[in-house]
Amino acid sequence: MEITFTEIIGYIASFVVLISFLMKQMNHLRIINLIGCFLFVIYGVLLHYSIPVILTNTVIIIINVYYLVKARKKP
């Protein structure tokens, strides 16, 4: 049984999201999680547009970006 390119992207995305939860600083967690979610969006597209995967991770990306911008604006 061969691992496909799509599965590799899914495994990498899972690993990156998992690693994000090991971060102590919230901004680092959000940045790493954002990368993992972006990979999950790619994974969802490679799964012939899996809407639940794409939609959920797109919303998480938006949330992460919102809080990163908000933290950056803080004096």
N, C-alpha and C. Protein backbone atom coordinates (compact mmCIF):
# COMPACT_ATOMS: atom_id res chain seq x y z
N MET A 1 0.84 -1.18 0.00
CA MET A 1 0.00 0.00 0.00
C MET A 1 0.88 1.25 0.00
N GLU A 2 0.71 2.07 -1.01
CA GLU A 2 1.50 3.29 -1.14
C GLU A 2 0.80 4.47 -0.49
N ILE A 3 1.61 5.36 0.07
CA ILE A 3 1.07 6.60 0.61
C ILE A 3 1.02 7.61 -0.52
N THR A 4 -0.13 8.25 -0.70
CA THR A 4 -0.29 9.21 -1.78
C THR A 4 0.20 10.59 -1.34
N PHE A 5 0.38 11.45 -2.32
CA PHE A 5 0.78 12.84 -2.05
C PHE A 5 -0.25 13.52 -1.15
N THR A 6 -1.52 13.25 -1.42
CA THR A 6 -2.60 13.83 -0.62
C THR A 6 -2.47 13.39 0.84
N GLU A 7 -2.21 12.12 1.08
CA GLU A 7 -2.05 11.63 2.45
C GLU A 7 -0.84 12.26 3.13
N ILE A 8 0.23 12.46 2.39
CA ILE A 8 1.43 13.10 2.95
C ILE A 8 1.10 14.50 3.43
N ILE A 9 0.36 15.26 2.61
CA ILE A 9 -0.05 16.61 3.01
C ILE A 9 -0.92 16.54 4.27
N GLY A 10 -1.82 15.59 4.34
CA GLY A 10 -2.68 15.42 5.51
C GLY A 10 -1.87 15.10 6.76
N TYR A 11 -0.89 14.22 6.63
CA TYR A 11 -0.04 13.87 7.78
C TYR A 11 0.80 15.06 8.23
N ILE A 12 1.35 15.79 7.27
CA ILE A 12 2.15 16.97 7.62
C ILE A 12 1.27 18.01 8.32
N ALA A 13 0.07 18.24 7.79
CA ALA A 13 -0.85 19.20 8.39
C ALA A 13 -1.19 18.79 9.83
N SER A 14 -1.47 17.52 10.03
CA SER A 14 -1.77 17.02 11.38
C SER A 14 -0.60 17.23 12.32
N PHE A 15 0.59 16.93 11.85
CA PHE A 15 1.80 17.08 12.66
C PHE A 15 2.03 18.54 13.04
N VAL A 16 1.85 19.45 12.08
CA VAL A 16 2.07 20.87 12.34
C VAL A 16 1.05 21.39 13.36
N VAL A 17 -0.22 21.00 13.21
CA VAL A 17 -1.23 21.43 14.18
C VAL A 17 -0.90 20.86 15.56
N LEU A 18 -0.49 19.62 15.62
CA LEU A 18 -0.11 19.01 16.89
C LEU A 18 1.06 19.76 17.53
N ILE A 19 2.07 20.08 16.75
CA ILE A 19 3.23 20.82 17.25
C ILE A 19 2.81 22.20 17.77
N SER A 20 1.83 22.81 17.12
CA SER A 20 1.40 24.15 17.54
C SER A 20 0.94 24.16 18.99
N PHE A 21 0.37 23.07 19.45
CA PHE A 21 -0.13 23.02 20.83
C PHE A 21 0.98 22.82 21.86
N LEU A 22 2.19 22.63 21.40
CA LEU A 22 3.33 22.53 22.31
C LEU A 22 3.97 23.89 22.56
N MET A 23 3.51 24.92 21.84
CA MET A 23 4.07 26.26 21.99
C MET A 23 3.61 26.88 23.31
N LYS A 24 4.52 27.58 23.97
CA LYS A 24 4.18 28.25 25.23
C LYS A 24 3.62 29.64 24.99
N GLN A 25 4.11 30.32 23.96
CA GLN A 25 3.63 31.67 23.65
C GLN A 25 2.45 31.58 22.68
N MET A 26 1.39 32.31 23.00
CA MET A 26 0.16 32.25 22.22
C MET A 26 0.38 32.66 20.76
N ASN A 27 1.20 33.69 20.52
CA ASN A 27 1.44 34.11 19.13
C ASN A 27 2.12 33.01 18.33
N HIS A 28 3.07 32.32 18.94
CA HIS A 28 3.74 31.21 18.24
C HIS A 28 2.75 30.09 17.95
N LEU A 29 1.90 29.80 18.93
CA LEU A 29 0.87 28.77 18.73
C LEU A 29 -0.01 29.15 17.54
N ARG A 30 -0.45 30.40 17.50
CA ARG A 30 -1.34 30.83 16.42
C ARG A 30 -0.66 30.78 15.05
N ILE A 31 0.59 31.17 14.98
CA ILE A 31 1.31 31.16 13.70
C ILE A 31 1.49 29.73 13.20
N ILE A 32 1.95 28.84 14.06
CA ILE A 32 2.17 27.45 13.66
C ILE A 32 0.84 26.79 13.33
N ASN A 33 -0.19 27.06 14.13
CA ASN A 33 -1.51 26.51 13.87
C ASN A 33 -2.07 27.02 12.54
N LEU A 34 -1.83 28.29 12.24
CA LEU A 34 -2.26 28.88 10.98
C LEU A 34 -1.64 28.13 9.80
N ILE A 35 -0.36 27.81 9.91
CA ILE A 35 0.33 27.06 8.85
C ILE A 35 -0.30 25.67 8.70
N GLY A 36 -0.55 25.01 9.83
CA GLY A 36 -1.18 23.70 9.78
C GLY A 36 -2.57 23.74 9.16
N CYS A 37 -3.34 24.75 9.52
CA CYS A 37 -4.68 24.90 8.95
C CYS A 37 -4.63 25.18 7.45
N PHE A 38 -3.66 25.97 7.03
CA PHE A 38 -3.49 26.23 5.60
C PHE A 38 -3.18 24.92 4.86
N LEU A 39 -2.33 24.08 5.46
CA LEU A 39 -2.04 22.78 4.86
C LEU A 39 -3.30 21.91 4.82
N PHE A 40 -4.15 22.01 5.85
CA PHE A 40 -5.40 21.27 5.84
C PHE A 40 -6.34 21.76 4.75
N VAL A 41 -6.32 23.05 4.46
CA VAL A 41 -7.14 23.57 3.35
C VAL A 41 -6.65 22.95 2.04
N ILE A 42 -5.34 22.91 1.85
CA ILE A 42 -4.78 22.27 0.65
C ILE A 42 -5.19 20.81 0.61
N TYR A 43 -5.10 20.14 1.75
CA TYR A 43 -5.50 18.74 1.86
C TYR A 43 -6.97 18.57 1.46
N GLY A 44 -7.84 19.46 1.95
CA GLY A 44 -9.25 19.40 1.60
C GLY A 44 -9.49 19.58 0.11
N VAL A 45 -8.71 20.46 -0.51
CA VAL A 45 -8.82 20.65 -1.97
C VAL A 45 -8.37 19.38 -2.69
N LEU A 46 -7.27 18.80 -2.22
CA LEU A 46 -6.76 17.57 -2.85
C LEU A 46 -7.72 16.39 -2.67
N LEU A 47 -8.59 16.47 -1.68
CA LEU A 47 -9.61 15.43 -1.48
C LEU A 47 -10.85 15.72 -2.33
N HIS A 48 -10.65 16.39 -3.42
CA HIS A 48 -11.73 16.75 -4.35
C HIS A 48 -12.74 17.66 -3.67
N TYR A 49 -12.19 18.70 -3.04
CA TYR A 49 -12.98 19.76 -2.41
C TYR A 49 -13.86 19.24 -1.27
N SER A 50 -13.20 18.73 -0.24
CA SER A 50 -13.91 18.32 0.97
C SER A 50 -14.31 19.58 1.74
N ILE A 51 -15.55 19.98 1.58
CA ILE A 51 -16.04 21.23 2.14
C ILE A 51 -15.88 21.30 3.66
N PRO A 52 -16.20 20.23 4.42
CA PRO A 52 -16.02 20.34 5.88
C PRO A 52 -14.57 20.63 6.29
N VAL A 53 -13.62 20.01 5.63
CA VAL A 53 -12.21 20.24 5.95
C VAL A 53 -11.80 21.66 5.56
N ILE A 54 -12.18 22.07 4.37
CA ILE A 54 -11.82 23.40 3.87
C ILE A 54 -12.48 24.49 4.71
N LEU A 55 -13.77 24.36 4.97
CA LEU A 55 -14.52 25.39 5.69
C LEU A 55 -14.02 25.55 7.12
N THR A 56 -13.90 24.45 7.84
CA THR A 56 -13.45 24.51 9.23
C THR A 56 -12.08 25.16 9.35
N ASN A 57 -11.16 24.74 8.52
CA ASN A 57 -9.80 25.26 8.63
C ASN A 57 -9.67 26.69 8.11
N THR A 58 -10.50 27.07 7.16
CA THR A 58 -10.52 28.46 6.71
C THR A 58 -11.00 29.38 7.83
N VAL A 59 -12.03 28.94 8.56
CA VAL A 59 -12.53 29.74 9.69
C VAL A 59 -11.45 29.84 10.78
N ILE A 60 -10.75 28.75 11.05
CA ILE A 60 -9.68 28.79 12.06
C ILE A 60 -8.55 29.72 11.62
N ILE A 61 -8.25 29.73 10.33
CA ILE A 61 -7.23 30.65 9.81
C ILE A 61 -7.67 32.09 10.07
N ILE A 62 -8.92 32.40 9.77
CA ILE A 62 -9.44 33.76 9.97
C ILE A 62 -9.35 34.15 11.46
N ILE A 63 -9.72 33.23 12.33
CA ILE A 63 -9.64 33.49 13.78
C ILE A 63 -8.21 33.75 14.20
N ASN A 64 -7.28 32.91 13.74
CA ASN A 64 -5.87 33.09 14.09
C ASN A 64 -5.34 34.43 13.59
N VAL A 65 -5.67 34.79 12.36
CA VAL A 65 -5.21 36.07 11.80
C VAL A 65 -5.80 37.23 12.60
N TYR A 66 -7.08 37.14 12.94
CA TYR A 66 -7.73 38.19 13.72
C TYR A 66 -6.97 38.43 15.04
N TYR A 67 -6.71 37.37 15.78
CA TYR A 67 -6.04 37.53 17.07
C TYR A 67 -4.57 37.93 16.93
N LEU A 68 -3.91 37.50 15.86
CA LEU A 68 -2.53 37.94 15.64
C LEU A 68 -2.48 39.44 15.33
N VAL A 69 -3.41 39.91 14.52
CA VAL A 69 -3.46 41.36 14.20
C VAL A 69 -3.83 42.14 15.45
N LYS A 70 -4.79 41.65 16.21
CA LYS A 70 -5.21 42.31 17.45
C LYS A 70 -4.03 42.40 18.44
N ALA A 71 -3.26 41.35 18.57
CA ALA A 71 -2.12 41.34 19.48
C ALA A 71 -1.04 42.29 19.01
N ARG A 72 -0.89 42.43 17.71
CA ARG A 72 0.13 43.31 17.15
C ARG A 72 -0.22 44.79 17.38
N LYS A 73 -1.52 45.10 17.39
CA LYS A 73 -1.97 46.48 17.59
C LYS A 73 -1.93 46.91 19.04
N LYS A 74 -1.80 45.95 19.94
CA LYS A 74 -1.77 46.27 21.38
C LYS A 74 -0.55 47.10 21.71
N PRO A 75 -0.73 48.18 22.51
CA PRO A 75 0.42 49.04 22.86
C PRO A 75 1.37 48.37 23.83
